[in-house]
Amino acid sequence: MVAGTAARLLARRGHRVLCLDSDLMPGLARSLGLGGGADVASPLGDAAERGEDGRWRLKKGVGPVRAVRRYAAVAPDGVQLLQSGKLPPEGTAAIMSSLQAYYKVVHRLPRARTFADWAMVGDLPAGPRQAASNWAPFAETFLILVEPTWQSALTARRVARVVRSREGSGTVSLVANKVAEPTDVGRVEELVGEAVVGAIPADERVREAERAGAALLDHDPSSPAARAIERLVDELASGVPPRAIASAK
């Protein structure tokens, strides 16, 4: 929800936006306003192949620019969405070619001149695994969403430590999420041990949008959560150009 809303807000501010989804669970396509039909199990399935040595590689002629043009979906406000794939009942083995293609494409994106002036917004799944495996090498700003619970705070610490351990990882910032009480922001900061850059309230309208399979900006653009994400986007944009952002839960 945060990544999809932020991507569309950036597009409305005049940026060309590429949204990158490596979360195997559905969600980002709906949050962008594409509905459930855009959650494809293996969108990049024919973009990669295995060589004689058993290693995965992109097929000849498939680079980051062609991959986006061929496989990305176009969301409202002109946002381009490139997905790694969604987990089918058969497990990750069934979509391995798509996952491998996505991973190789995102690692080439920072060198692609076509996207030099684009804003990139990535969505990572909860936990440190993808952060440790560098699934968002395009990110210059890494947002970690933290709920006011011990479990969420401990995970946030691990994710922050993993990202900051990599050379050239960019800025890592924490955002308090699902804030229900005035003291929740302070609780997040106490549990994690560092300040947050923003707070997103617990908002029934978010749940309503999710139940309806709609984007928050389409369901209720004036909701408290939507306004909080807009303030967060403005804050990020006032510091550095919002070229590449990744969010993790």
C-alpha atoms as a PDB file:
ATOM      1  CA  MET A   1       0.000   0.000   0.000  1.00  0.00           C
ATOM      2  CA  VAL A   2       2.787   2.420   0.889  1.00  0.00           C
ATOM      3  CA  ALA A   3       4.864   1.617  -2.191  1.00  0.00           C
ATOM      4  CA  GLY A   4       1.910   1.752  -4.576  1.00  0.00           C
ATOM      5  CA  THR A   5       0.555   4.996  -3.156  1.00  0.00           C
ATOM      6  CA  ALA A   6       3.999   6.623  -3.158  1.00  0.00           C
ATOM      7  CA  ALA A   7       4.595   5.564  -6.770  1.00  0.00           C
ATOM      8  CA  ARG A   8       1.391   7.169  -7.993  1.00  0.00           C
ATOM      9  CA  LEU A   9       2.003  10.335  -5.986  1.00  0.00           C
ATOM     10  CA  LEU A  10       5.463  10.645  -7.545  1.00  0.00           C
ATOM     11  CA  ALA A  11       3.922  10.202 -10.996  1.00  0.00           C
ATOM     12  CA  ARG A  12       1.432  12.970 -10.245  1.00  0.00           C
ATOM     13  CA  ARG A  13       4.379  15.208  -9.428  1.00  0.00           C
ATOM     14  CA  GLY A  14       5.719  14.774 -12.939  1.00  0.00           C
ATOM     15  CA  HIS A  15       8.127  11.857 -12.484  1.00  0.00           C
ATOM     16  CA  ARG A  16       8.246   8.900 -14.813  1.00  0.00           C
ATOM     17  CA  VAL A  17       7.885   6.030 -12.372  1.00  0.00           C
ATOM     18  CA  LEU A  18       8.948   2.401 -12.528  1.00  0.00           C
ATOM     19  CA  CYS A  19       7.487   0.249  -9.754  1.00  0.00           C
ATOM     20  CA  LEU A  20       9.410  -2.961  -8.973  1.00  0.00           C
ATOM     21  CA  ASP A  21       7.669  -5.774  -7.114  1.00  0.00           C
ATOM     22  CA  SER A  22       9.692  -8.671  -5.692  1.00  0.00           C
ATOM     23  CA  ASP A  23       7.108  -9.661  -3.075  1.00  0.00           C
ATOM     24  CA  LEU A  24       5.739 -13.109  -3.945  1.00  0.00           C
ATOM     25  CA  MET A  25       2.428 -12.319  -2.241  1.00  0.00           C
ATOM     26  CA  PRO A  26      -0.261 -10.300  -4.066  1.00  0.00           C
ATOM     27  CA  GLY A  27      -0.782  -6.672  -3.136  1.00  0.00           C
ATOM     28  CA  LEU A  28       1.203  -4.075  -5.064  1.00  0.00           C
ATOM     29  CA  ALA A  29      -0.788  -4.363  -8.303  1.00  0.00           C
ATOM     30  CA  ARG A  30      -4.003  -3.752  -6.358  1.00  0.00           C
ATOM     31  CA  SER A  31      -2.449  -0.853  -4.457  1.00  0.00           C
ATOM     32  CA  LEU A  32      -1.547   0.713  -7.794  1.00  0.00           C
ATOM     33  CA  GLY A  33      -5.126   0.357  -9.024  1.00  0.00           C
ATOM     34  CA  LEU A  34      -4.619  -2.535 -11.447  1.00  0.00           C
ATOM     35  CA  GLY A  35      -6.825  -5.011  -9.600  1.00  0.00           C
ATOM     36  CA  GLY A  36      -6.124  -8.676  -8.958  1.00  0.00           C
ATOM     37  CA  GLY A  37      -5.860  -9.573 -12.641  1.00  0.00           C
ATOM     38  CA  ALA A  38      -2.384  -8.041 -12.813  1.00  0.00           C
ATOM     39  CA  ASP A  39      -0.942 -10.453 -10.232  1.00  0.00           C
ATOM     40  CA  VAL A  40       0.736 -12.831 -12.665  1.00  0.00           C
ATOM     41  CA  ALA A  41       2.504 -15.960 -11.432  1.00  0.00           C
ATOM     42  CA  SER A  42       5.383 -15.825 -13.902  1.00  0.00           C
ATOM     43  CA  PRO A  43       5.406 -12.537 -15.853  1.00  0.00           C
ATOM     44  CA  LEU A  44       9.070 -12.862 -16.902  1.00  0.00           C
ATOM     45  CA  GLY A  45       8.887 -16.612 -17.456  1.00  0.00           C
ATOM     46  CA  ASP A  46      10.166 -16.519 -21.045  1.00  0.00           C
ATOM     47  CA  ALA A  47      12.836 -13.862 -20.414  1.00  0.00           C
ATOM     48  CA  ALA A  48      15.443 -16.210 -18.903  1.00  0.00           C
ATOM     49  CA  GLU A  49      16.936 -19.565 -19.772  1.00  0.00           C
ATOM     50  CA  ARG A  50      19.387 -22.047 -18.334  1.00  0.00           C
ATOM     51  CA  GLY A  51      22.705 -22.492 -20.067  1.00  0.00           C
ATOM     52  CA  GLU A  52      24.562 -25.749 -20.525  1.00  0.00           C
ATOM     53  CA  ASP A  53      26.367 -25.023 -17.267  1.00  0.00           C
ATOM     54  CA  GLY A  54      23.022 -24.969 -15.440  1.00  0.00           C
ATOM     55  CA  ARG A  55      23.192 -21.263 -14.668  1.00  0.00           C
ATOM     56  CA  TRP A  56      20.329 -18.909 -15.361  1.00  0.00           C
ATOM     57  CA  ARG A  57      20.793 -16.022 -17.781  1.00  0.00           C
ATOM     58  CA  LEU A  58      18.669 -13.518 -19.621  1.00  0.00           C
ATOM     59  CA  LYS A  59      17.827 -14.558 -23.155  1.00  0.00           C
ATOM     60  CA  LYS A  60      19.729 -12.837 -25.924  1.00  0.00           C
ATOM     61  CA  GLY A  61      18.358  -9.383 -26.608  1.00  0.00           C
ATOM     62  CA  VAL A  62      16.579  -9.064 -23.257  1.00  0.00           C
ATOM     63  CA  GLY A  63      17.993  -6.254 -21.137  1.00  0.00           C
ATOM     64  CA  PRO A  64      16.373  -3.945 -18.591  1.00  0.00           C
ATOM     65  CA  VAL A  65      14.888  -1.588 -21.181  1.00  0.00           C
ATOM     66  CA  ARG A  66      13.356  -4.324 -23.306  1.00  0.00           C
ATOM     67  CA  ALA A  67      12.185  -6.203 -20.213  1.00  0.00           C
ATOM     68  CA  VAL A  68      10.234  -3.165 -18.990  1.00  0.00           C
ATOM     69  CA  ARG A  69       8.800  -2.431 -22.424  1.00  0.00           C
ATOM     70  CA  ARG A  70       7.755  -6.040 -22.995  1.00  0.00           C
ATOM     71  CA  TYR A  71       6.719  -7.282 -19.571  1.00  0.00           C
ATOM     72  CA  ALA A  72       5.704  -4.282 -17.445  1.00  0.00           C
ATOM     73  CA  ALA A  73       2.056  -3.449 -16.842  1.00  0.00           C
ATOM     74  CA  VAL A  74       0.853   0.145 -17.080  1.00  0.00           C
ATOM     75  CA  ALA A  75      -0.934   1.315 -13.940  1.00  0.00           C
ATOM     76  CA  PRO A  76      -3.014   4.471 -13.352  1.00  0.00           C
ATOM     77  CA  ASP A  77      -1.096   7.773 -13.529  1.00  0.00           C
ATOM     78  CA  GLY A  78       1.268   6.114 -16.026  1.00  0.00           C
ATOM     79  CA  VAL A  79       3.229   4.075 -13.472  1.00  0.00           C
ATOM     80  CA  GLN A  80       5.054   1.100 -15.005  1.00  0.00           C
ATOM     81  CA  LEU A  81       4.940  -2.090 -12.904  1.00  0.00           C
ATOM     82  CA  LEU A  82       7.486  -4.891 -13.315  1.00  0.00           C
ATOM     83  CA  GLN A  83       6.850  -7.952 -11.143  1.00  0.00           C
ATOM     84  CA  SER A  84       9.032 -10.914 -10.270  1.00  0.00           C
ATOM     85  CA  GLY A  85       5.985 -13.173 -10.017  1.00  0.00           C
ATOM     86  CA  LYS A  86       3.464 -14.459  -7.491  1.00  0.00           C
ATOM     87  CA  LEU A  87       3.744 -17.678  -5.538  1.00  0.00           C
ATOM     88  CA  PRO A  88       1.656 -20.456  -7.132  1.00  0.00           C
ATOM     89  CA  PRO A  89       0.449 -23.603  -5.331  1.00  0.00           C
ATOM     90  CA  GLU A  90       3.344 -25.537  -6.890  1.00  0.00           C
ATOM     91  CA  GLY A  91       5.919 -23.370  -5.085  1.00  0.00           C
ATOM     92  CA  THR A  92       8.799 -21.198  -6.276  1.00  0.00           C
ATOM     93  CA  ALA A  93      10.221 -23.874  -8.598  1.00  0.00           C
ATOM     94  CA  ALA A  94       7.331 -23.214 -10.984  1.00  0.00           C
ATOM     95  CA  ILE A  95       8.296 -19.548 -11.376  1.00  0.00           C
ATOM     96  CA  MET A  96      12.075 -19.835 -11.060  1.00  0.00           C
ATOM     97  CA  SER A  97      12.759 -18.534 -14.570  1.00  0.00           C
ATOM     98  CA  SER A  98      10.708 -15.395 -13.846  1.00  0.00           C
ATOM     99  CA  LEU A  99      12.434 -14.830 -10.483  1.00  0.00           C
ATOM    100  CA  GLN A 100      15.867 -15.249 -12.045  1.00  0.00           C
ATOM    101  CA  ALA A 101      15.028 -12.889 -14.902  1.00  0.00           C
ATOM    102  CA  TYR A 102      13.689 -10.244 -12.522  1.00  0.00           C
ATOM    103  CA  TYR A 103      16.785 -10.433 -10.295  1.00  0.00           C
ATOM    104  CA  LYS A 104      19.105 -10.000 -13.271  1.00  0.00           C
ATOM    105  CA  VAL A 105      17.041  -7.154 -14.721  1.00  0.00           C
ATOM    106  CA  VAL A 106      16.977  -5.101 -11.505  1.00  0.00           C
ATOM    107  CA  HIS A 107      20.744  -5.476 -11.166  1.00  0.00           C
ATOM    108  CA  ARG A 108      21.187  -3.949 -14.608  1.00  0.00           C
ATOM    109  CA  LEU A 109      18.724  -1.115 -14.076  1.00  0.00           C
ATOM    110  CA  PRO A 110      21.188   1.291 -12.382  1.00  0.00           C
ATOM    111  CA  ARG A 111      23.339   1.212 -15.536  1.00  0.00           C
ATOM    112  CA  ALA A 112      20.480   1.690 -17.991  1.00  0.00           C
ATOM    113  CA  ARG A 113      20.595   5.254 -19.349  1.00  0.00           C
ATOM    114  CA  THR A 114      16.941   5.091 -20.378  1.00  0.00           C
ATOM    115  CA  PHE A 115      15.925   5.107 -16.715  1.00  0.00           C
ATOM    116  CA  ALA A 116      18.482   7.658 -15.517  1.00  0.00           C
ATOM    117  CA  ASP A 117      15.819  10.281 -14.771  1.00  0.00           C
ATOM    118  CA  TRP A 118      13.055   7.898 -13.658  1.00  0.00           C
ATOM    119  CA  ALA A 119      11.836   7.467 -10.113  1.00  0.00           C
ATOM    120  CA  MET A 120      11.963   3.814  -9.050  1.00  0.00           C
ATOM    121  CA  VAL A 121       9.874   2.445  -6.208  1.00  0.00           C
ATOM    122  CA  GLY A 122      10.398  -1.116  -5.034  1.00  0.00           C
ATOM    123  CA  ASP A 123       8.354  -3.353  -2.756  1.00  0.00           C
ATOM    124  CA  LEU A 124      10.166  -6.070  -0.782  1.00  0.00           C
ATOM    125  CA  PRO A 125       8.475  -8.757   1.332  1.00  0.00           C
ATOM    126  CA  ALA A 126       8.647  -8.743   5.104  1.00  0.00           C
ATOM    127  CA  GLY A 127      11.878  -9.852   6.743  1.00  0.00           C
ATOM    128  CA  PRO A 128      15.600  -9.567   5.969  1.00  0.00           C
ATOM    129  CA  ARG A 129      15.989 -12.339   3.397  1.00  0.00           C
ATOM    130  CA  GLN A 130      15.601 -10.298   0.205  1.00  0.00           C
ATOM    131  CA  ALA A 131      17.468  -7.361   1.693  1.00  0.00           C
ATOM    132  CA  ALA A 132      20.391  -9.685   2.439  1.00  0.00           C
ATOM    133  CA  SER A 133      20.290 -11.051  -1.114  1.00  0.00           C
ATOM    134  CA  ASN A 134      20.256  -7.534  -2.591  1.00  0.00           C
ATOM    135  CA  TRP A 135      16.925  -7.630  -4.407  1.00  0.00           C
ATOM    136  CA  ALA A 136      16.773  -3.827  -4.554  1.00  0.00           C
ATOM    137  CA  PRO A 137      20.185  -2.719  -5.904  1.00  0.00           C
ATOM    138  CA  PHE A 138      18.514   0.279  -7.560  1.00  0.00           C
ATOM    139  CA  ALA A 139      17.467   1.812  -4.220  1.00  0.00           C
ATOM    140  CA  GLU A 140      19.110   4.985  -2.982  1.00  0.00           C
ATOM    141  CA  THR A 141      16.611   5.290  -0.126  1.00  0.00           C
ATOM    142  CA  PHE A 142      15.492   2.236   1.841  1.00  0.00           C
ATOM    143  CA  LEU A 143      12.350   2.616   3.959  1.00  0.00           C
ATOM    144  CA  ILE A 144      11.656   0.065   6.670  1.00  0.00           C
ATOM    145  CA  LEU A 145       8.052   0.002   7.898  1.00  0.00           C
ATOM    146  CA  VAL A 146       7.815  -0.779  11.612  1.00  0.00           C
ATOM    147  CA  GLU A 147       4.705  -1.530  13.624  1.00  0.00           C
ATOM    148  CA  PRO A 148       4.725  -0.704  17.379  1.00  0.00           C
ATOM    149  CA  THR A 149       5.426  -4.296  18.453  1.00  0.00           C
ATOM    150  CA  TRP A 150       8.547  -6.120  19.638  1.00  0.00           C
ATOM    151  CA  GLN A 151       8.387  -8.604  16.771  1.00  0.00           C
ATOM    152  CA  SER A 152       8.234  -5.889  14.120  1.00  0.00           C
ATOM    153  CA  ALA A 153      10.961  -3.839  15.824  1.00  0.00           C
ATOM    154  CA  LEU A 154      13.357  -6.793  16.022  1.00  0.00           C
ATOM    155  CA  THR A 155      12.805  -7.538  12.341  1.00  0.00           C
ATOM    156  CA  ALA A 156      13.372  -3.868  11.504  1.00  0.00           C
ATOM    157  CA  ARG A 157      16.680  -3.900  13.370  1.00  0.00           C
ATOM    158  CA  ARG A 158      17.836  -6.925  11.408  1.00  0.00           C
ATOM    159  CA  VAL A 159      16.793  -5.459   8.053  1.00  0.00           C
ATOM    160  CA  ALA A 160      18.481  -2.128   8.832  1.00  0.00           C
ATOM    161  CA  ARG A 161      21.679  -3.871   9.888  1.00  0.00           C
ATOM    162  CA  VAL A 162      21.737  -6.001   6.742  1.00  0.00           C
ATOM    163  CA  VAL A 163      21.181  -3.072   4.378  1.00  0.00           C
ATOM    164  CA  ARG A 164      23.705  -0.822   6.112  1.00  0.00           C
ATOM    165  CA  SER A 165      26.356  -3.540   6.016  1.00  0.00           C
ATOM    166  CA  ARG A 166      26.544  -3.294   2.218  1.00  0.00           C
ATOM    167  CA  GLU A 167      28.861  -0.723   0.722  1.00  0.00           C
ATOM    168  CA  GLY A 168      27.008   2.004  -1.143  1.00  0.00           C
ATOM    169  CA  SER A 169      23.620   0.918   0.200  1.00  0.00           C
ATOM    170  CA  GLY A 170      22.265   4.465   0.417  1.00  0.00           C
ATOM    171  CA  THR A 171      20.043   5.942   3.101  1.00  0.00           C
ATOM    172  CA  VAL A 172      18.123   3.682   5.488  1.00  0.00           C
ATOM    173  CA  SER A 173      15.137   5.251   7.243  1.00  0.00           C
ATOM    174  CA  LEU A 174      12.398   3.919   9.496  1.00  0.00           C
ATOM    175  CA  VAL A 175       8.687   4.670   9.190  1.00  0.00           C
ATOM    176  CA  ALA A 176       6.252   3.909  12.010  1.00  0.00           C
ATOM    177  CA  ASN A 177       3.325   2.007  10.521  1.00  0.00           C
ATOM    178  CA  LYS A 178      -0.214   1.270  11.742  1.00  0.00           C
ATOM    179  CA  VAL A 179       0.061   3.898  14.461  1.00  0.00           C
ATOM    180  CA  ALA A 180      -3.074   3.772  16.610  1.00  0.00           C
ATOM    181  CA  GLU A 181      -2.089   5.789  19.694  1.00  0.00           C
ATOM    182  CA  PRO A 182      -0.140   9.052  20.142  1.00  0.00           C
ATOM    183  CA  THR A 183       2.527   7.115  22.049  1.00  0.00           C
ATOM    184  CA  ASP A 184       3.068   4.523  19.291  1.00  0.00           C
ATOM    185  CA  VAL A 185       5.691   6.572  17.435  1.00  0.00           C
ATOM    186  CA  GLY A 186       7.772   6.943  20.581  1.00  0.00           C
ATOM    187  CA  ARG A 187       7.341   3.230  21.262  1.00  0.00           C
ATOM    188  CA  VAL A 188       8.688   2.341  17.814  1.00  0.00           C
ATOM    189  CA  GLU A 189      11.675   4.615  18.314  1.00  0.00           C
ATOM    190  CA  GLU A 190      12.350   3.115  21.740  1.00  0.00           C
ATOM    191  CA  LEU A 191      12.052  -0.468  20.529  1.00  0.00           C
ATOM    192  CA  VAL A 192      14.224   0.008  17.462  1.00  0.00           C
ATOM    193  CA  GLY A 193      16.662   2.447  19.023  1.00  0.00           C
ATOM    194  CA  GLU A 194      16.530   5.203  16.413  1.00  0.00           C
ATOM    195  CA  ALA A 195      14.273   7.983  15.196  1.00  0.00           C
ATOM    196  CA  VAL A 196      11.629   7.523  12.504  1.00  0.00           C
ATOM    197  CA  VAL A 197      11.196   9.843   9.529  1.00  0.00           C
ATOM    198  CA  GLY A 198       7.430   9.529   9.325  1.00  0.00           C
ATOM    199  CA  ALA A 199       4.343   7.810  10.672  1.00  0.00           C
ATOM    200  CA  ILE A 200       1.384   6.178   8.941  1.00  0.00           C
ATOM    201  CA  PRO A 201      -1.760   5.808  11.040  1.00  0.00           C
ATOM    202  CA  ALA A 202      -3.860   2.699  11.427  1.00  0.00           C
ATOM    203  CA  ASP A 203      -6.661   3.526   9.027  1.00  0.00           C
ATOM    204  CA  GLU A 204      -9.906   1.629   8.489  1.00  0.00           C
ATOM    205  CA  ARG A 205     -10.066   3.056   4.971  1.00  0.00           C
ATOM    206  CA  VAL A 206      -6.933   1.078   4.093  1.00  0.00           C
ATOM    207  CA  ARG A 207      -8.670  -2.129   5.108  1.00  0.00           C
ATOM    208  CA  GLU A 208     -11.755  -1.089   3.159  1.00  0.00           C
ATOM    209  CA  ALA A 209      -9.645  -0.506   0.041  1.00  0.00           C
ATOM    210  CA  GLU A 210      -7.937  -3.872   0.450  1.00  0.00           C
ATOM    211  CA  ARG A 211     -11.256  -5.667   0.836  1.00  0.00           C
ATOM    212  CA  ALA A 212     -12.509  -3.931  -2.307  1.00  0.00           C
ATOM    213  CA  GLY A 213      -9.319  -4.755  -4.214  1.00  0.00           C
ATOM    214  CA  ALA A 214      -8.840  -1.052  -4.902  1.00  0.00           C
ATOM    215  CA  ALA A 215      -6.005   1.444  -4.631  1.00  0.00           C
ATOM    216  CA  LEU A 216      -6.203   3.696  -1.589  1.00  0.00           C
ATOM    217  CA  LEU A 217      -5.888   6.770  -3.821  1.00  0.00           C
ATOM    218  CA  ASP A 218      -8.955   5.626  -5.762  1.00  0.00           C
ATOM    219  CA  HIS A 219     -10.934   4.442  -2.743  1.00  0.00           C
ATOM    220  CA  ASP A 220     -10.330   7.453  -0.482  1.00  0.00           C
ATOM    221  CA  PRO A 221      -7.506   9.833  -1.465  1.00  0.00           C
ATOM    222  CA  SER A 222      -8.175  12.043   1.564  1.00  0.00           C
ATOM    223  CA  SER A 223      -7.865   9.228   4.100  1.00  0.00           C
ATOM    224  CA  PRO A 224      -5.429   9.700   7.011  1.00  0.00           C
ATOM    225  CA  ALA A 225      -3.049   7.047   5.644  1.00  0.00           C
ATOM    226  CA  ALA A 226      -3.027   8.579   2.152  1.00  0.00           C
ATOM    227  CA  ARG A 227      -2.277  12.020   3.570  1.00  0.00           C
ATOM    228  CA  ALA A 228       0.526  10.594   5.723  1.00  0.00           C
ATOM    229  CA  ILE A 229       2.137   8.891   2.722  1.00  0.00           C
ATOM    230  CA  GLU A 230       1.860  12.132   0.768  1.00  0.00           C
ATOM    231  CA  ARG A 231       3.706  13.960   3.549  1.00  0.00           C
ATOM    232  CA  LEU A 232       6.356  11.231   3.531  1.00  0.00           C
ATOM    233  CA  VAL A 233       6.826  11.559  -0.233  1.00  0.00           C
ATOM    234  CA  ASP A 234       7.112  15.345   0.093  1.00  0.00           C
ATOM    235  CA  GLU A 235       9.689  14.932   2.865  1.00  0.00           C
ATOM    236  CA  LEU A 236      11.781  12.561   0.767  1.00  0.00           C
ATOM    237  CA  ALA A 237      11.525  14.795  -2.287  1.00  0.00           C
ATOM    238  CA  SER A 238      12.647  17.843  -0.321  1.00  0.00           C
ATOM    239  CA  GLY A 239      15.907  16.148   0.644  1.00  0.00           C
ATOM    240  CA  VAL A 240      17.127  14.355  -2.462  1.00  0.00           C
ATOM    241  CA  PRO A 241      15.522  13.629  -5.834  1.00  0.00           C
ATOM    242  CA  PRO A 242      13.281  10.574  -5.233  1.00  0.00           C
ATOM    243  CA  ARG A 243      14.966   8.498  -7.917  1.00  0.00           C
ATOM    244  CA  ALA A 244      14.942   5.087  -6.290  1.00  0.00           C
ATOM    245  CA  ILE A 245      13.096   3.974  -3.185  1.00  0.00           C
ATOM    246  CA  ALA A 246      12.552   0.509  -1.781  1.00  0.00           C
ATOM    247  CA  SER A 247      10.213  -0.351   1.050  1.00  0.00           C
ATOM    248  CA  ALA A 248      10.308  -3.387   3.290  1.00  0.00           C
ATOM    249  CA  LYS A 249       8.020  -4.469   6.106  1.00  0.00           C
END
